[in-house]
C-alpha atoms as a PDB file:
ATOM      1  CA  MET A   1       0.000   0.000   0.000  1.00  0.00           C
ATOM      2  CA  ASN A   2       1.451   3.360  -1.070  1.00  0.00           C
ATOM      3  CA  LYS A   3       0.912   6.373   1.193  1.00  0.00           C
ATOM      4  CA  PHE A   4       0.691   9.944  -0.099  1.00  0.00           C
ATOM      5  CA  THR A   5      -0.149  13.500   0.928  1.00  0.00           C
ATOM      6  CA  LEU A   6      -1.879  15.888  -1.461  1.00  0.00           C
ATOM      7  CA  THR A   7      -1.626  19.664  -0.952  1.00  0.00           C
ATOM      8  CA  VAL A   8      -3.759  22.115  -2.910  1.00  0.00           C
ATOM      9  CA  SER A   9      -3.985  25.906  -3.045  1.00  0.00           C
ATOM     10  CA  CYS A  10      -6.005  27.908  -5.555  1.00  0.00           C
ATOM     11  CA  ASN A  11      -8.737  30.484  -5.916  1.00  0.00           C
ATOM     12  CA  SER A  12     -11.901  29.311  -4.220  1.00  0.00           C
ATOM     13  CA  ARG A  13     -14.737  27.982  -6.358  1.00  0.00           C
ATOM     14  CA  ARG A  14     -17.395  25.304  -6.236  1.00  0.00           C
ATOM     15  CA  GLY A  15     -16.489  21.696  -7.035  1.00  0.00           C
ATOM     16  CA  ILE A  16     -12.833  21.506  -5.962  1.00  0.00           C
ATOM     17  CA  VAL A  17     -13.266  18.898  -3.231  1.00  0.00           C
ATOM     18  CA  ALA A  18     -15.679  16.839  -5.320  1.00  0.00           C
ATOM     19  CA  ALA A  19     -13.307  16.794  -8.288  1.00  0.00           C
ATOM     20  CA  ILE A  20     -10.324  15.675  -6.226  1.00  0.00           C
ATOM     21  CA  SER A  21     -12.234  13.119  -4.163  1.00  0.00           C
ATOM     22  CA  GLY A  22     -13.775  11.638  -7.274  1.00  0.00           C
ATOM     23  CA  TYR A  23     -10.412  11.435  -8.985  1.00  0.00           C
ATOM     24  CA  LEU A  24      -8.767   9.633  -6.051  1.00  0.00           C
ATOM     25  CA  ALA A  25     -11.691   7.227  -5.694  1.00  0.00           C
ATOM     26  CA  GLY A  26     -11.449   6.422  -9.382  1.00  0.00           C
ATOM     27  CA  LYS A  27      -7.786   5.557  -8.909  1.00  0.00           C
ATOM     28  CA  GLY A  28      -8.592   3.117  -6.111  1.00  0.00           C
ATOM     29  CA  CYS A  29      -7.334   5.426  -3.380  1.00  0.00           C
ATOM     30  CA  ASN A  30      -8.699   5.697   0.158  1.00  0.00           C
ATOM     31  CA  ILE A  31      -8.701   9.122   1.873  1.00  0.00           C
ATOM     32  CA  VAL A  32      -7.431   8.772   5.445  1.00  0.00           C
ATOM     33  CA  ASP A  33      -7.433  12.394   6.589  1.00  0.00           C
ATOM     34  CA  SER A  34      -8.576  15.671   5.035  1.00  0.00           C
ATOM     35  CA  SER A  35      -8.419  19.329   6.082  1.00  0.00           C
ATOM     36  CA  GLN A  36      -9.508  22.395   4.136  1.00  0.00           C
ATOM     37  CA  PHE A  37      -9.807  26.151   4.622  1.00  0.00           C
ATOM     38  CA  ASP A  38     -11.604  28.757   2.555  1.00  0.00           C
ATOM     39  CA  ASP A  39     -10.126  32.220   3.258  1.00  0.00           C
ATOM     40  CA  LEU A  40     -13.044  34.587   2.775  1.00  0.00           C
ATOM     41  CA  ASP A  41     -10.745  37.633   2.985  1.00  0.00           C
ATOM     42  CA  THR A  42      -8.476  36.629   0.105  1.00  0.00           C
ATOM     43  CA  GLY A  43     -10.693  34.225  -1.811  1.00  0.00           C
ATOM     44  CA  ARG A  44      -8.052  31.521  -1.586  1.00  0.00           C
ATOM     45  CA  PHE A  45      -8.713  27.840  -0.905  1.00  0.00           C
ATOM     46  CA  PHE A  46      -6.290  25.477   0.836  1.00  0.00           C
ATOM     47  CA  MET A  47      -6.536  21.718   1.321  1.00  0.00           C
ATOM     48  CA  ARG A  48      -4.426  18.842   2.586  1.00  0.00           C
ATOM     49  CA  MET A  49      -5.351  15.179   2.118  1.00  0.00           C
ATOM     50  CA  SER A  50      -3.631  12.020   3.297  1.00  0.00           C
ATOM     51  CA  PHE A  51      -4.555   8.964   1.279  1.00  0.00           C
ATOM     52  CA  ASN A  52      -3.511   5.403   0.496  1.00  0.00           C
ATOM     53  CA  SER A  53      -3.288   3.793  -2.902  1.00  0.00           C
ATOM     54  CA  GLU A  54      -4.674   0.351  -2.176  1.00  0.00           C
ATOM     55  CA  ASP A  55      -4.149  -0.768  -5.791  1.00  0.00           C
ATOM     56  CA  GLY A  56      -0.461   0.211  -5.687  1.00  0.00           C
ATOM     57  CA  VAL A  57      -0.725   3.158  -8.098  1.00  0.00           C
ATOM     58  CA  ASP A  58       2.568   5.058  -7.983  1.00  0.00           C
ATOM     59  CA  ARG A  59       3.102   8.785  -7.476  1.00  0.00           C
ATOM     60  CA  ALA A  60       4.055   9.525 -11.091  1.00  0.00           C
ATOM     61  CA  ALA A  61       0.788   8.081 -12.390  1.00  0.00           C
ATOM     62  CA  LEU A  62      -1.236   9.983  -9.780  1.00  0.00           C
ATOM     63  CA  VAL A  63       0.494  13.268 -10.612  1.00  0.00           C
ATOM     64  CA  GLN A  64      -0.059  12.816 -14.332  1.00  0.00           C
ATOM     65  CA  GLY A  65      -3.732  11.971 -13.885  1.00  0.00           C
ATOM     66  CA  LEU A  66      -4.298  14.985 -11.653  1.00  0.00           C
ATOM     67  CA  GLU A  67      -2.914  17.483 -14.164  1.00  0.00           C
ATOM     68  CA  PRO A  68      -6.196  18.108 -16.057  1.00  0.00           C
ATOM     69  CA  ILE A  69      -8.045  18.826 -12.790  1.00  0.00           C
ATOM     70  CA  ALA A  70      -5.269  21.125 -11.591  1.00  0.00           C
ATOM     71  CA  ALA A  71      -5.385  23.019 -14.887  1.00  0.00           C
ATOM     72  CA  GLU A  72      -9.172  23.341 -14.775  1.00  0.00           C
ATOM     73  CA  PHE A  73      -9.179  24.902 -11.312  1.00  0.00           C
ATOM     74  CA  GLY A  74      -5.839  26.747 -11.560  1.00  0.00           C
ATOM     75  CA  MET A  75      -4.440  24.730  -8.678  1.00  0.00           C
ATOM     76  CA  ASP A  76      -0.998  24.518  -7.206  1.00  0.00           C
ATOM     77  CA  ALA A  77      -1.459  20.799  -6.524  1.00  0.00           C
ATOM     78  CA  ARG A  78       1.337  18.571  -5.274  1.00  0.00           C
ATOM     79  CA  ILE A  79       1.417  14.899  -4.328  1.00  0.00           C
ATOM     80  CA  HIS A  80       4.071  13.967  -1.782  1.00  0.00           C
ATOM     81  CA  ASP A  81       5.375  10.455  -1.154  1.00  0.00           C
ATOM     82  CA  GLY A  82       4.488   9.607   2.445  1.00  0.00           C
ATOM     83  CA  THR A  83       7.581   7.426   2.863  1.00  0.00           C
ATOM     84  CA  GLN A  84      10.117  10.016   1.706  1.00  0.00           C
ATOM     85  CA  ARG A  85      11.800  12.054   4.421  1.00  0.00           C
ATOM     86  CA  MET A  86      12.554  15.716   3.892  1.00  0.00           C
ATOM     87  CA  LYS A  87      16.233  16.693   3.712  1.00  0.00           C
ATOM     88  CA  VAL A  88      17.050  19.363   6.293  1.00  0.00           C
ATOM     89  CA  LEU A  89      20.096  21.625   6.633  1.00  0.00           C
ATOM     90  CA  VAL A  90      20.465  23.105  10.127  1.00  0.00           C
ATOM     91  CA  MET A  91      22.272  26.395  10.771  1.00  0.00           C
ATOM     92  CA  VAL A  92      23.536  27.494  14.188  1.00  0.00           C
ATOM     93  CA  SER A  93      25.857  30.044  15.774  1.00  0.00           C
ATOM     94  CA  ARG A  94      26.761  29.933  19.484  1.00  0.00           C
ATOM     95  CA  PHE A  95      23.461  29.094  21.201  1.00  0.00           C
ATOM     96  CA  GLY A  96      23.066  25.337  20.910  1.00  0.00           C
ATOM     97  CA  HIS A  97      19.783  24.570  22.703  1.00  0.00           C
ATOM     98  CA  CYS A  98      17.685  24.365  19.527  1.00  0.00           C
ATOM     99  CA  LEU A  99      20.331  22.316  17.709  1.00  0.00           C
ATOM    100  CA  ASN A 100      20.542  19.871  20.622  1.00  0.00           C
ATOM    101  CA  ASP A 101      16.767  19.538  20.703  1.00  0.00           C
ATOM    102  CA  ILE A 102      16.546  18.897  16.952  1.00  0.00           C
ATOM    103  CA  LEU A 103      19.289  16.270  17.132  1.00  0.00           C
ATOM    104  CA  PHE A 104      17.536  14.507  20.015  1.00  0.00           C
ATOM    105  CA  ARG A 105      14.146  14.476  18.288  1.00  0.00           C
ATOM    106  CA  TRP A 106      15.767  13.318  15.045  1.00  0.00           C
ATOM    107  CA  LYS A 107      17.615  10.539  16.889  1.00  0.00           C
ATOM    108  CA  THR A 108      14.466   9.345  18.671  1.00  0.00           C
ATOM    109  CA  GLY A 109      12.252   9.588  15.599  1.00  0.00           C
ATOM    110  CA  THR A 110       9.891  12.340  16.755  1.00  0.00           C
ATOM    111  CA  LEU A 111      11.203  14.479  13.902  1.00  0.00           C
ATOM    112  CA  PRO A 112      11.312  12.087  10.921  1.00  0.00           C
ATOM    113  CA  ILE A 113      13.807  14.011   8.797  1.00  0.00           C
ATOM    114  CA  ASP A 114      17.172  13.444   7.163  1.00  0.00           C
ATOM    115  CA  ILE A 115      19.676  15.962   8.528  1.00  0.00           C
ATOM    116  CA  VAL A 116      22.042  16.406   5.585  1.00  0.00           C
ATOM    117  CA  GLY A 117      24.394  18.822   7.342  1.00  0.00           C
ATOM    118  CA  VAL A 118      24.928  21.519   9.941  1.00  0.00           C
ATOM    119  CA  VAL A 119      26.333  24.907   8.963  1.00  0.00           C
ATOM    120  CA  SER A 120      27.851  27.289  11.482  1.00  0.00           C
ATOM    121  CA  ASN A 121      29.895  30.447  11.518  1.00  0.00           C
ATOM    122  CA  HIS A 122      31.710  29.106  14.609  1.00  0.00           C
ATOM    123  CA  PHE A 123      33.285  25.800  15.661  1.00  0.00           C
ATOM    124  CA  ASP A 124      31.472  25.447  19.017  1.00  0.00           C
ATOM    125  CA  TYR A 125      29.309  22.480  17.945  1.00  0.00           C
ATOM    126  CA  GLN A 126      31.583  20.777  15.453  1.00  0.00           C
ATOM    127  CA  LYS A 127      32.347  17.831  17.740  1.00  0.00           C
ATOM    128  CA  LEU A 128      28.699  17.396  18.716  1.00  0.00           C
ATOM    129  CA  VAL A 129      27.609  17.293  15.076  1.00  0.00           C
ATOM    130  CA  VAL A 130      30.397  15.003  13.904  1.00  0.00           C
ATOM    131  CA  ASN A 131      29.666  12.598  16.778  1.00  0.00           C
ATOM    132  CA  HIS A 132      26.186  12.229  15.298  1.00  0.00           C
ATOM    133  CA  ASP A 133      27.759  11.259  11.946  1.00  0.00           C
ATOM    134  CA  ILE A 134      26.416  14.442  10.349  1.00  0.00           C
ATOM    135  CA  PRO A 135      28.586  16.614   8.058  1.00  0.00           C
ATOM    136  CA  PHE A 136      29.675  19.872   9.692  1.00  0.00           C
ATOM    137  CA  HIS A 137      30.374  22.930   7.531  1.00  0.00           C
ATOM    138  CA  HIS A 138      32.130  25.978   8.927  1.00  0.00           C
ATOM    139  CA  ILE A 139      31.443  29.161   6.987  1.00  0.00           C
ATOM    140  CA  LYS A 140      33.068  32.214   8.492  1.00  0.00           C
ATOM    141  CA  VAL A 141      30.943  35.323   7.995  1.00  0.00           C
ATOM    142  CA  THR A 142      32.275  38.878   8.190  1.00  0.00           C
ATOM    143  CA  LYS A 143      30.975  42.184   6.883  1.00  0.00           C
ATOM    144  CA  ASP A 144      33.488  41.904   4.036  1.00  0.00           C
ATOM    145  CA  ASN A 145      32.857  38.315   2.850  1.00  0.00           C
ATOM    146  CA  LYS A 146      29.061  37.888   3.044  1.00  0.00           C
ATOM    147  CA  PRO A 147      28.560  37.347  -0.720  1.00  0.00           C
ATOM    148  CA  GLU A 148      31.238  34.656  -0.757  1.00  0.00           C
ATOM    149  CA  ALA A 149      29.838  33.062   2.422  1.00  0.00           C
ATOM    150  CA  GLU A 150      26.342  32.879   0.950  1.00  0.00           C
ATOM    151  CA  ALA A 151      27.693  31.475  -2.303  1.00  0.00           C
ATOM    152  CA  ARG A 152      29.338  28.688  -0.293  1.00  0.00           C
ATOM    153  CA  LEU A 153      26.090  28.135   1.605  1.00  0.00           C
ATOM    154  CA  MET A 154      24.157  27.751  -1.651  1.00  0.00           C
ATOM    155  CA  GLU A 155      26.756  25.235  -2.854  1.00  0.00           C
ATOM    156  CA  ILE A 156      26.035  23.130   0.230  1.00  0.00           C
ATOM    157  CA  VAL A 157      22.258  23.439  -0.284  1.00  0.00           C
ATOM    158  CA  GLU A 158      22.586  22.263  -3.882  1.00  0.00           C
ATOM    159  CA  GLN A 159      25.091  19.491  -3.114  1.00  0.00           C
ATOM    160  CA  THR A 160      22.996  18.054  -0.289  1.00  0.00           C
ATOM    161  CA  GLY A 161      19.658  18.519  -2.032  1.00  0.00           C
ATOM    162  CA  ALA A 162      18.282  20.192   1.097  1.00  0.00           C
ATOM    163  CA  ASP A 163      14.519  20.735   1.011  1.00  0.00           C
ATOM    164  CA  LEU A 164      14.458  22.889   4.156  1.00  0.00           C
ATOM    165  CA  MET A 165      16.882  25.166   5.993  1.00  0.00           C
ATOM    166  CA  VAL A 166      16.388  25.612   9.741  1.00  0.00           C
ATOM    167  CA  LEU A 167      17.964  28.608  11.457  1.00  0.00           C
ATOM    168  CA  ALA A 168      18.428  27.128  14.933  1.00  0.00           C
ATOM    169  CA  ARG A 169      19.600  30.406  16.501  1.00  0.00           C
ATOM    170  CA  TYR A 170      21.825  31.280  13.553  1.00  0.00           C
ATOM    171  CA  MET A 171      22.809  34.857  14.287  1.00  0.00           C
ATOM    172  CA  GLN A 172      23.504  36.140  10.787  1.00  0.00           C
ATOM    173  CA  ILE A 173      21.148  38.017   8.469  1.00  0.00           C
ATOM    174  CA  LEU A 174      20.522  36.322   5.137  1.00  0.00           C
ATOM    175  CA  SER A 175      20.500  38.469   2.004  1.00  0.00           C
ATOM    176  CA  ASP A 176      17.285  39.475   0.243  1.00  0.00           C
ATOM    177  CA  GLN A 177      18.392  37.476  -2.800  1.00  0.00           C
ATOM    178  CA  LEU A 178      18.827  34.272  -0.788  1.00  0.00           C
ATOM    179  CA  CYS A 179      15.510  34.775   1.010  1.00  0.00           C
ATOM    180  CA  ARG A 180      13.689  35.178  -2.299  1.00  0.00           C
ATOM    181  CA  ARG A 181      15.476  32.220  -3.889  1.00  0.00           C
ATOM    182  CA  LEU A 182      14.537  29.896  -1.020  1.00  0.00           C
ATOM    183  CA  SER A 183      11.142  31.412  -0.229  1.00  0.00           C
ATOM    184  CA  GLY A 184       9.086  29.043   1.898  1.00  0.00           C
ATOM    185  CA  GLN A 185      12.112  26.814   2.529  1.00  0.00           C
ATOM    186  CA  ILE A 186      13.750  28.586   5.494  1.00  0.00           C
ATOM    187  CA  ILE A 187      12.383  28.514   9.054  1.00  0.00           C
ATOM    188  CA  ASN A 188      13.725  30.768  11.806  1.00  0.00           C
ATOM    189  CA  ILE A 189      13.171  30.874  15.574  1.00  0.00           C
ATOM    190  CA  HIS A 190      13.331  33.936  17.793  1.00  0.00           C
ATOM    191  CA  HIS A 191      12.071  35.150  21.143  1.00  0.00           C
ATOM    192  CA  SER A 192       8.693  36.868  20.975  1.00  0.00           C
ATOM    193  CA  PHE A 193      10.029  40.073  22.500  1.00  0.00           C
ATOM    194  CA  LEU A 194      10.568  41.578  19.077  1.00  0.00           C
ATOM    195  CA  PRO A 195      10.004  44.409  18.466  1.00  0.00           C
ATOM    196  CA  SER A 196       9.492  45.315  22.153  1.00  0.00           C
ATOM    197  CA  PHE A 197      12.940  44.199  23.258  1.00  0.00           C
ATOM    198  CA  LYS A 198      15.372  44.574  20.403  1.00  0.00           C
ATOM    199  CA  GLY A 199      19.131  44.295  20.558  1.00  0.00           C
ATOM    200  CA  ALA A 200      21.348  42.524  23.043  1.00  0.00           C
ATOM    201  CA  ASN A 201      20.124  40.441  25.975  1.00  0.00           C
ATOM    202  CA  PRO A 202      16.346  40.605  25.446  1.00  0.00           C
ATOM    203  CA  TYR A 203      15.706  38.401  28.489  1.00  0.00           C
ATOM    204  CA  ARG A 204      17.515  40.882  30.735  1.00  0.00           C
ATOM    205  CA  GLN A 205      15.411  43.683  29.261  1.00  0.00           C
ATOM    206  CA  ALA A 206      12.259  41.658  29.880  1.00  0.00           C
ATOM    207  CA  HIS A 207      13.302  40.973  33.473  1.00  0.00           C
ATOM    208  CA  ASP A 208      13.997  44.642  34.086  1.00  0.00           C
ATOM    209  CA  ARG A 209      10.485  45.482  32.826  1.00  0.00           C
ATOM    210  CA  GLY A 210       8.805  42.849  34.992  1.00  0.00           C
ATOM    211  CA  VAL A 211       7.403  40.834  32.090  1.00  0.00           C
ATOM    212  CA  LYS A 212       4.998  38.091  33.208  1.00  0.00           C
ATOM    213  CA  LEU A 213       4.769  36.173  29.945  1.00  0.00           C
ATOM    214  CA  ILE A 214       7.598  35.163  27.614  1.00  0.00           C
ATOM    215  CA  GLY A 215       7.548  33.060  24.504  1.00  0.00           C
ATOM    216  CA  ALA A 216       8.956  32.276  21.086  1.00  0.00           C
ATOM    217  CA  THR A 217       7.940  32.514  17.438  1.00  0.00           C
ATOM    218  CA  ALA A 218       8.858  30.289  14.508  1.00  0.00           C
ATOM    219  CA  HIS A 219       8.342  31.807  11.080  1.00  0.00           C
ATOM    220  CA  TYR A 220       9.318  31.541   7.444  1.00  0.00           C
ATOM    221  CA  VAL A 221      12.244  33.777   6.552  1.00  0.00           C
ATOM    222  CA  THR A 222      11.660  36.696   4.202  1.00  0.00           C
ATOM    223  CA  SER A 223      13.655  39.782   3.313  1.00  0.00           C
ATOM    224  CA  ASP A 224      11.778  41.603   6.119  1.00  0.00           C
ATOM    225  CA  LEU A 225      13.857  40.728   9.174  1.00  0.00           C
ATOM    226  CA  ASP A 226      11.890  38.622  11.706  1.00  0.00           C
ATOM    227  CA  GLU A 227       8.591  39.534  10.040  1.00  0.00           C
ATOM    228  CA  GLY A 228       7.954  36.472   7.860  1.00  0.00           C
ATOM    229  CA  PRO A 229       4.729  34.427   7.984  1.00  0.00           C
ATOM    230  CA  ILE A 230       4.325  32.901  11.449  1.00  0.00           C
ATOM    231  CA  ILE A 231       4.079  29.109  11.718  1.00  0.00           C
ATOM    232  CA  GLU A 232       4.045  28.428  15.458  1.00  0.00           C
ATOM    233  CA  GLN A 233       4.139  30.317  18.771  1.00  0.00           C
ATOM    234  CA  ASP A 234       4.012  29.456  22.467  1.00  0.00           C
ATOM    235  CA  THR A 235       4.449  31.144  25.840  1.00  0.00           C
ATOM    236  CA  VAL A 236       5.405  30.408  29.433  1.00  0.00           C
ATOM    237  CA  ARG A 237       4.390  32.392  32.518  1.00  0.00           C
ATOM    238  CA  ILE A 238       6.924  34.201  34.717  1.00  0.00           C
ATOM    239  CA  THR A 239       6.638  35.357  38.327  1.00  0.00           C
ATOM    240  CA  HIS A 240       8.307  38.191  40.205  1.00  0.00           C
ATOM    241  CA  ALA A 241      10.458  35.648  42.061  1.00  0.00           C
ATOM    242  CA  GLN A 242      12.317  34.489  38.964  1.00  0.00           C
ATOM    243  CA  SER A 243      15.660  35.907  37.898  1.00  0.00           C
ATOM    244  CA  SER A 244      16.861  36.953  34.471  1.00  0.00           C
ATOM    245  CA  ASP A 245      18.760  33.636  34.331  1.00  0.00           C
ATOM    246  CA  ASP A 246      15.437  31.858  34.836  1.00  0.00           C
ATOM    247  CA  TYR A 247      14.039  33.877  31.934  1.00  0.00           C
ATOM    248  CA  VAL A 248      16.871  32.658  29.721  1.00  0.00           C
ATOM    249  CA  SER A 249      16.405  29.020  30.742  1.00  0.00           C
ATOM    250  CA  LEU A 250      12.637  29.047  30.262  1.00  0.00           C
ATOM    251  CA  GLY A 251      12.964  31.034  27.059  1.00  0.00           C
ATOM    252  CA  ARG A 252      15.358  28.510  25.563  1.00  0.00           C
ATOM    253  CA  ASP A 253      12.999  25.667  26.414  1.00  0.00           C
ATOM    254  CA  VAL A 254      10.062  27.305  24.673  1.00  0.00           C
ATOM    255  CA  GLU A 255      12.220  28.278  21.680  1.00  0.00           C
ATOM    256  CA  SER A 256      13.250  24.641  21.206  1.00  0.00           C
ATOM    257  CA  LEU A 257       9.684  23.373  21.460  1.00  0.00           C
ATOM    258  CA  VAL A 258       8.209  25.978  19.117  1.00  0.00           C
ATOM    259  CA  LEU A 259      10.895  25.360  16.498  1.00  0.00           C
ATOM    260  CA  ALA A 260      10.344  21.582  16.670  1.00  0.00           C
ATOM    261  CA  ARG A 261       6.596  22.045  16.177  1.00  0.00           C
ATOM    262  CA  ALA A 262       7.166  24.329  13.189  1.00  0.00           C
ATOM    263  CA  ILE A 263       9.549  21.858  11.567  1.00  0.00           C
ATOM    264  CA  HIS A 264       7.092  19.038  12.238  1.00  0.00           C
ATOM    265  CA  ALA A 265       4.259  20.955  10.561  1.00  0.00           C
ATOM    266  CA  HIS A 266       6.383  21.840   7.537  1.00  0.00           C
ATOM    267  CA  ILE A 267       7.782  18.368   6.864  1.00  0.00           C
ATOM    268  CA  HIS A 268       4.283  16.902   6.981  1.00  0.00           C
ATOM    269  CA  HIS A 269       3.046  19.487   4.469  1.00  0.00           C
ATOM    270  CA  ARG A 270       0.599  21.059   6.917  1.00  0.00           C
ATOM    271  CA  THR A 271       1.714  24.656   6.272  1.00  0.00           C
ATOM    272  CA  PHE A 272       0.647  26.971   3.467  1.00  0.00           C
ATOM    273  CA  ILE A 273       1.891  30.534   2.989  1.00  0.00           C
ATOM    274  CA  ASN A 274      -1.100  32.835   2.600  1.00  0.00           C
ATOM    275  CA  GLY A 275       0.276  36.309   1.872  1.00  0.00           C
ATOM    276  CA  ASN A 276       1.843  37.579   5.101  1.00  0.00           C
ATOM    277  CA  ARG A 277       0.199  34.799   7.095  1.00  0.00           C
ATOM    278  CA  THR A 278       0.124  31.022   7.096  1.00  0.00           C
ATOM    279  CA  VAL A 279      -2.539  28.361   7.066  1.00  0.00           C
ATOM    280  CA  VAL A 280      -1.414  25.552   9.381  1.00  0.00           C
ATOM    281  CA  PHE A 281      -3.618  22.493   9.511  1.00  0.00           C
ATOM    282  CA  PRO A 282      -3.629  20.495  12.771  1.00  0.00           C
ATOM    283  CA  ALA A 283      -1.868  17.178  12.938  1.00  0.00           C
ATOM    284  CA  SER A 284      -3.975  14.078  12.495  1.00  0.00           C
ATOM    285  CA  PRO A 285      -4.516  11.778  15.523  1.00  0.00           C
ATOM    286  CA  GLY A 286      -1.714   9.304  16.080  1.00  0.00           C
ATOM    287  CA  SER A 287       0.948  11.405  14.333  1.00  0.00           C
ATOM    288  CA  PHE A 288       4.348  12.313  15.748  1.00  0.00           C
ATOM    289  CA  ALA A 289       2.855  15.642  16.882  1.00  0.00           C
ATOM    290  CA  SER A 290       1.455  13.907  19.952  1.00  0.00           C
ATOM    291  CA  GLU A 291       5.044  13.526  21.145  1.00  0.00           C
ATOM    292  CA  LEU A 292       5.927  17.206  20.629  1.00  0.00           C
ATOM    293  CA  VAL A 293       4.642  18.390  23.982  1.00  0.00           C
ATOM    294  CA  GLY A 294       7.869  19.240  25.722  1.00  0.00           C
END
């Protein structure tokens, strides 16, 4: 039995679901899970279906047969092989909590991905990465060599065939050109204090202001710094008795969790970019998402 995921986005009109469901039924496929959203503000329609091909029809045949329906409705329709893992390139600087969390979830299977490499502008986590039998790439970045550094980064992306880049506290700004070239393929994590607490040591600033709620945001990277479409967010409560060090510790925990959830949603094709926002369908019962609770 072959397992697939179908993602669809197009202008909303009558008959989309019926056309797709009828097509899959005619191919001997069984729909296991389906989610859809009709954005009344933009007139856009989004849908995700998980289905099995009980007759063993392969992906190429399904894609070819779907083309006339996609053309009729003007769809961006894609069929993804449910057994194929997404190739992920992780980028990190000197804060390793998100990297460690990703490696643990990858090792235990809660993030079913293939980590094809880790890129860093420092050597702090070289040993950790190599000990996991993952290629480590050091790319030094200065104000004078950024074009060359990004060219080297793109070489690694192309050589590894990376489907997704994860900025796991990578503290360098990517160029507008790179952001446009890999639109929808780069996820970043940051503390939710932006823009309230910009600059150095945001947790200290939050402590000094007596903040009672801290959190983190995972988003797709665009040329607008830290303003890309949001995928996932979460918060944790703070009391007056906690120190700025406590803020840092709790903040790093929530950053790791939020980033893992965002990666999980992306690799399972549950996210759709909708202008400056995202449509994120919930995980189906029994998926790995049930394990992403902390």
